[in-house]
Amino acid sequence: MTPRADARRNRAAILTAATEAFAEHGPKATTEQVAVRAGVAVGTVFRHFPTKDALVVAIMKESLQHLVALAAGSTLFDFMSAVVDEAVRTRTVVVALTHDLDVGDALSGLTGELQRLLDQAKDAGVVRPDVQVDEVLALLTAAAQAAQSAGWPEDLRRRTLAVVFRGLALADVDS
């Protein structure tokens, strides 16, 4: 049985409001703040998401799905830059990459896309052949977390990522 149209609208409004509340307040955001932003009663939030953790998991899954969509048609370095920018903008990226939440297939989907981009970069001779996806994910997580928590300006994000990209690049280290 499919949910009623108003229930679907409420769920979408709650997720949008929660994403905004977490972007503004981080993990301290409350379900009450989410309800006010969504224009629904707090009971409606709990009807859709029985706990705050369930709400956070739903946000993380949406965020990860968004990142997977960003990877389509992108290059590895462009994607990494977009993820760091998204981390600064929403705060949800860092939570998705660093917390032990049950986001299951969404995280494996992101890892799969990252592997695809890495393979593509290796095939093009842009990235060293010994680089592994877990290393790229660790670098990406660290850069996203640092940029988000320290509020790096765009120029610092670009310069820092340029250093990371040079480290991944296929180049003669003796030159």
C-alpha atoms as a PDB file:
ATOM      1  CA  MET A   1       0.000   0.000   0.000  1.00  0.00           C
ATOM      2  CA  THR A   2       1.449   3.362  -0.993  1.00  0.00           C
ATOM      3  CA  PRO A   3       1.463   6.243   1.491  1.00  0.00           C
ATOM      4  CA  ARG A   4      -1.085   8.993   1.074  1.00  0.00           C
ATOM      5  CA  ALA A   5      -0.004  12.118  -0.774  1.00  0.00           C
ATOM      6  CA  ASP A   6      -0.054  14.242   2.399  1.00  0.00           C
ATOM      7  CA  ALA A   7       2.086  11.668   4.225  1.00  0.00           C
ATOM      8  CA  ARG A   8       4.616  11.714   1.366  1.00  0.00           C
ATOM      9  CA  ARG A   9       4.652  15.530   1.432  1.00  0.00           C
ATOM     10  CA  ASN A  10       5.115  15.557   5.216  1.00  0.00           C
ATOM     11  CA  ARG A  11       7.989  13.063   4.998  1.00  0.00           C
ATOM     12  CA  ALA A  12       9.713  15.132   2.289  1.00  0.00           C
ATOM     13  CA  ALA A  13       9.194  18.345   4.283  1.00  0.00           C
ATOM     14  CA  ILE A  14      10.587  16.704   7.419  1.00  0.00           C
ATOM     15  CA  LEU A  15      13.683  15.467   5.595  1.00  0.00           C
ATOM     16  CA  THR A  16      14.296  18.885   4.050  1.00  0.00           C
ATOM     17  CA  ALA A  17      13.781  20.621   7.388  1.00  0.00           C
ATOM     18  CA  ALA A  18      16.024  18.120   9.178  1.00  0.00           C
ATOM     19  CA  THR A  19      18.784  18.598   6.622  1.00  0.00           C
ATOM     20  CA  GLU A  20      18.589  22.365   7.138  1.00  0.00           C
ATOM     21  CA  ALA A  21      18.453  22.059  10.933  1.00  0.00           C
ATOM     22  CA  PHE A  22      21.475  19.751  11.021  1.00  0.00           C
ATOM     23  CA  ALA A  23      23.368  22.034   8.630  1.00  0.00           C
ATOM     24  CA  GLU A  24      22.710  24.935  10.986  1.00  0.00           C
ATOM     25  CA  HIS A  25      22.988  23.265  14.408  1.00  0.00           C
ATOM     26  CA  GLY A  26      24.920  20.060  13.737  1.00  0.00           C
ATOM     27  CA  PRO A  27      24.064  17.037  15.875  1.00  0.00           C
ATOM     28  CA  LYS A  28      22.507  19.326  18.516  1.00  0.00           C
ATOM     29  CA  ALA A  29      19.512  19.961  16.244  1.00  0.00           C
ATOM     30  CA  THR A  30      16.315  18.766  17.900  1.00  0.00           C
ATOM     31  CA  THR A  31      13.246  17.058  16.519  1.00  0.00           C
ATOM     32  CA  GLU A  32      11.264  20.048  17.755  1.00  0.00           C
ATOM     33  CA  GLN A  33      13.348  22.379  15.566  1.00  0.00           C
ATOM     34  CA  VAL A  34      12.779  20.019  12.649  1.00  0.00           C
ATOM     35  CA  ALA A  35       9.020  19.983  13.243  1.00  0.00           C
ATOM     36  CA  VAL A  36       8.824  23.786  13.345  1.00  0.00           C
ATOM     37  CA  ARG A  37      10.824  24.118  10.108  1.00  0.00           C
ATOM     38  CA  ALA A  38       8.704  21.456   8.412  1.00  0.00           C
ATOM     39  CA  GLY A  39       5.457  23.044   9.564  1.00  0.00           C
ATOM     40  CA  VAL A  40       4.263  19.853  11.243  1.00  0.00           C
ATOM     41  CA  ALA A  41       3.669  18.696  14.800  1.00  0.00           C
ATOM     42  CA  VAL A  42       6.519  16.893  16.529  1.00  0.00           C
ATOM     43  CA  GLY A  43       4.277  13.804  16.664  1.00  0.00           C
ATOM     44  CA  THR A  44       4.238  13.795  12.864  1.00  0.00           C
ATOM     45  CA  VAL A  45       8.039  13.739  12.850  1.00  0.00           C
ATOM     46  CA  PHE A  46       7.990  10.731  15.201  1.00  0.00           C
ATOM     47  CA  ARG A  47       5.320   8.972  13.137  1.00  0.00           C
ATOM     48  CA  HIS A  48       7.691   9.018  10.180  1.00  0.00           C
ATOM     49  CA  PHE A  49      10.922   8.620  12.167  1.00  0.00           C
ATOM     50  CA  PRO A  50      10.444   6.953  15.584  1.00  0.00           C
ATOM     51  CA  THR A  51      13.788   8.213  16.910  1.00  0.00           C
ATOM     52  CA  LYS A  52      16.192  11.032  16.188  1.00  0.00           C
ATOM     53  CA  ASP A  53      18.697   8.385  15.054  1.00  0.00           C
ATOM     54  CA  ALA A  54      16.174   7.077  12.507  1.00  0.00           C
ATOM     55  CA  LEU A  55      15.798  10.627  11.184  1.00  0.00           C
ATOM     56  CA  VAL A  56      19.585  11.055  10.982  1.00  0.00           C
ATOM     57  CA  VAL A  57      19.913   7.730   9.132  1.00  0.00           C
ATOM     58  CA  ALA A  58      17.282   8.837   6.613  1.00  0.00           C
ATOM     59  CA  ILE A  59      19.128  12.126   6.062  1.00  0.00           C
ATOM     60  CA  MET A  60      22.427  10.291   5.660  1.00  0.00           C
ATOM     61  CA  LYS A  61      20.944   7.898   3.120  1.00  0.00           C
ATOM     62  CA  GLU A  62      19.596  10.833   1.120  1.00  0.00           C
ATOM     63  CA  SER A  63      22.935  12.611   1.346  1.00  0.00           C
ATOM     64  CA  LEU A  64      24.838   9.529   0.205  1.00  0.00           C
ATOM     65  CA  GLN A  65      22.410   9.005  -2.676  1.00  0.00           C
ATOM     66  CA  HIS A  66      22.966  12.634  -3.656  1.00  0.00           C
ATOM     67  CA  LEU A  67      26.731  12.079  -3.637  1.00  0.00           C
ATOM     68  CA  VAL A  68      26.375   8.961  -5.783  1.00  0.00           C
ATOM     69  CA  ALA A  69      24.376  11.041  -8.271  1.00  0.00           C
ATOM     70  CA  LEU A  70      27.124  13.705  -8.196  1.00  0.00           C
ATOM     71  CA  ALA A  71      29.669  11.047  -9.165  1.00  0.00           C
ATOM     72  CA  ALA A  72      27.859  10.250 -12.404  1.00  0.00           C
ATOM     73  CA  GLY A  73      29.642  11.941 -15.272  1.00  0.00           C
ATOM     74  CA  SER A  74      32.306  13.355 -12.973  1.00  0.00           C
ATOM     75  CA  THR A  75      36.037  12.825 -12.657  1.00  0.00           C
ATOM     76  CA  LEU A  76      37.656  11.640  -9.431  1.00  0.00           C
ATOM     77  CA  PHE A  77      39.151  15.017  -8.570  1.00  0.00           C
ATOM     78  CA  ASP A  78      36.000  16.969  -9.487  1.00  0.00           C
ATOM     79  CA  PHE A  79      33.943  14.588  -7.384  1.00  0.00           C
ATOM     80  CA  MET A  80      36.268  14.912  -4.394  1.00  0.00           C
ATOM     81  CA  SER A  81      36.047  18.707  -4.659  1.00  0.00           C
ATOM     82  CA  ALA A  82      32.245  18.540  -4.824  1.00  0.00           C
ATOM     83  CA  VAL A  83      32.088  16.293  -1.744  1.00  0.00           C
ATOM     84  CA  VAL A  84      34.235  18.686   0.298  1.00  0.00           C
ATOM     85  CA  ASP A  85      32.086  21.636  -0.830  1.00  0.00           C
ATOM     86  CA  GLU A  86      28.948  19.681   0.098  1.00  0.00           C
ATOM     87  CA  ALA A  87      30.428  18.895   3.520  1.00  0.00           C
ATOM     88  CA  VAL A  88      30.934  22.575   4.228  1.00  0.00           C
ATOM     89  CA  ARG A  89      27.437  23.419   2.966  1.00  0.00           C
ATOM     90  CA  THR A  90      25.393  20.729   4.725  1.00  0.00           C
ATOM     91  CA  ARG A  91      27.441  19.028   7.474  1.00  0.00           C
ATOM     92  CA  THR A  92      25.679  15.752   6.604  1.00  0.00           C
ATOM     93  CA  VAL A  93      28.533  14.463   4.445  1.00  0.00           C
ATOM     94  CA  VAL A  94      30.920  14.264   7.377  1.00  0.00           C
ATOM     95  CA  VAL A  95      28.340  12.487   9.519  1.00  0.00           C
ATOM     96  CA  ALA A  96      27.664  10.023   6.709  1.00  0.00           C
ATOM     97  CA  LEU A  97      31.350   9.274   6.235  1.00  0.00           C
ATOM     98  CA  THR A  98      32.468   9.183   9.885  1.00  0.00           C
ATOM     99  CA  HIS A  99      29.632   7.844  12.033  1.00  0.00           C
ATOM    100  CA  ASP A 100      28.613   4.283  12.591  1.00  0.00           C
ATOM    101  CA  LEU A 101      25.062   4.631  11.322  1.00  0.00           C
ATOM    102  CA  ASP A 102      23.190   1.873   9.566  1.00  0.00           C
ATOM    103  CA  VAL A 103      23.190   3.423   6.105  1.00  0.00           C
ATOM    104  CA  GLY A 104      23.979   0.065   4.478  1.00  0.00           C
ATOM    105  CA  ASP A 105      23.601   0.068   0.719  1.00  0.00           C
ATOM    106  CA  ALA A 106      23.878   3.848   0.462  1.00  0.00           C
ATOM    107  CA  LEU A 107      27.486   3.837   1.721  1.00  0.00           C
ATOM    108  CA  SER A 108      28.445   0.851  -0.404  1.00  0.00           C
ATOM    109  CA  GLY A 109      26.917   2.671  -3.390  1.00  0.00           C
ATOM    110  CA  LEU A 110      29.157   5.647  -2.701  1.00  0.00           C
ATOM    111  CA  THR A 111      32.208   3.416  -2.290  1.00  0.00           C
ATOM    112  CA  GLY A 112      31.349   1.676  -5.564  1.00  0.00           C
ATOM    113  CA  GLU A 113      31.123   5.001  -7.402  1.00  0.00           C
ATOM    114  CA  LEU A 114      34.373   6.141  -5.842  1.00  0.00           C
ATOM    115  CA  GLN A 115      36.026   2.901  -7.013  1.00  0.00           C
ATOM    116  CA  ARG A 116      34.649   3.474 -10.515  1.00  0.00           C
ATOM    117  CA  LEU A 117      36.050   7.015 -10.585  1.00  0.00           C
ATOM    118  CA  LEU A 118      39.390   5.809  -9.231  1.00  0.00           C
ATOM    119  CA  ASP A 119      39.614   3.065 -11.877  1.00  0.00           C
ATOM    120  CA  GLN A 120      38.718   5.599 -14.539  1.00  0.00           C
ATOM    121  CA  ALA A 121      41.458   7.956 -13.305  1.00  0.00           C
ATOM    122  CA  LYS A 122      44.003   5.132 -13.236  1.00  0.00           C
ATOM    123  CA  ASP A 123      43.025   4.043 -16.761  1.00  0.00           C
ATOM    124  CA  ALA A 124      43.481   7.623 -17.957  1.00  0.00           C
ATOM    125  CA  GLY A 125      46.941   7.749 -16.356  1.00  0.00           C
ATOM    126  CA  VAL A 126      45.920  10.513 -13.959  1.00  0.00           C
ATOM    127  CA  VAL A 127      46.291   8.583 -10.687  1.00  0.00           C
ATOM    128  CA  ARG A 128      49.052   6.255  -9.515  1.00  0.00           C
ATOM    129  CA  PRO A 129      48.196   2.573  -9.982  1.00  0.00           C
ATOM    130  CA  ASP A 130      48.940   1.706  -6.330  1.00  0.00           C
ATOM    131  CA  VAL A 131      46.248   4.010  -4.911  1.00  0.00           C
ATOM    132  CA  GLN A 132      43.365   2.091  -3.339  1.00  0.00           C
ATOM    133  CA  VAL A 133      39.773   3.185  -2.808  1.00  0.00           C
ATOM    134  CA  ASP A 134      40.012   3.018   0.998  1.00  0.00           C
ATOM    135  CA  GLU A 135      42.914   5.474   0.858  1.00  0.00           C
ATOM    136  CA  VAL A 136      40.916   7.842  -1.341  1.00  0.00           C
ATOM    137  CA  LEU A 137      37.915   7.535   0.991  1.00  0.00           C
ATOM    138  CA  ALA A 138      40.142   8.267   4.013  1.00  0.00           C
ATOM    139  CA  LEU A 139      41.629  11.345   2.318  1.00  0.00           C
ATOM    140  CA  LEU A 140      38.193  12.501   1.230  1.00  0.00           C
ATOM    141  CA  THR A 141      36.747  12.015   4.718  1.00  0.00           C
ATOM    142  CA  ALA A 142      39.646  13.874   6.345  1.00  0.00           C
ATOM    143  CA  ALA A 143      39.432  16.782   3.917  1.00  0.00           C
ATOM    144  CA  ALA A 144      35.642  17.013   4.246  1.00  0.00           C
ATOM    145  CA  GLN A 145      35.778  16.835   8.029  1.00  0.00           C
ATOM    146  CA  ALA A 146      38.533  19.436   8.319  1.00  0.00           C
ATOM    147  CA  ALA A 147      36.895  21.811   5.836  1.00  0.00           C
ATOM    148  CA  GLN A 148      33.522  21.510   7.543  1.00  0.00           C
ATOM    149  CA  SER A 149      34.656  21.735  11.157  1.00  0.00           C
ATOM    150  CA  ALA A 150      37.139  24.557  10.563  1.00  0.00           C
ATOM    151  CA  GLY A 151      34.900  26.387   8.088  1.00  0.00           C
ATOM    152  CA  TRP A 152      37.646  26.600   5.501  1.00  0.00           C
ATOM    153  CA  PRO A 153      37.106  29.325   2.909  1.00  0.00           C
ATOM    154  CA  GLU A 154      36.866  28.149  -0.698  1.00  0.00           C
ATOM    155  CA  ASP A 155      40.417  29.217  -1.539  1.00  0.00           C
ATOM    156  CA  LEU A 156      41.883  27.107   1.278  1.00  0.00           C
ATOM    157  CA  ARG A 157      39.739  24.128   0.244  1.00  0.00           C
ATOM    158  CA  ARG A 158      41.014  24.399  -3.342  1.00  0.00           C
ATOM    159  CA  ARG A 159      44.669  24.727  -2.310  1.00  0.00           C
ATOM    160  CA  THR A 160      44.445  21.832   0.158  1.00  0.00           C
ATOM    161  CA  LEU A 161      42.754  19.577  -2.370  1.00  0.00           C
ATOM    162  CA  ALA A 162      45.416  20.496  -4.932  1.00  0.00           C
ATOM    163  CA  VAL A 163      48.030  19.104  -2.532  1.00  0.00           C
ATOM    164  CA  VAL A 164      45.985  15.915  -2.083  1.00  0.00           C
ATOM    165  CA  PHE A 165      45.530  15.573  -5.837  1.00  0.00           C
ATOM    166  CA  ARG A 166      49.281  15.980  -6.442  1.00  0.00           C
ATOM    167  CA  GLY A 167      49.862  13.172  -3.941  1.00  0.00           C
ATOM    168  CA  LEU A 168      47.488  10.884  -5.839  1.00  0.00           C
ATOM    169  CA  ALA A 169      48.764  11.869  -9.269  1.00  0.00           C
ATOM    170  CA  LEU A 170      50.829   9.666 -11.501  1.00  0.00           C
ATOM    171  CA  ALA A 171      54.137  11.512 -11.527  1.00  0.00           C
ATOM    172  CA  ASP A 172      57.822  10.877 -11.256  1.00  0.00           C
ATOM    173  CA  VAL A 173      58.561  11.588  -7.578  1.00  0.00           C
ATOM    174  CA  ASP A 174      62.246  12.200  -8.328  1.00  0.00           C
ATOM    175  CA  SER A 175      61.566  15.192 -10.552  1.00  0.00           C
END
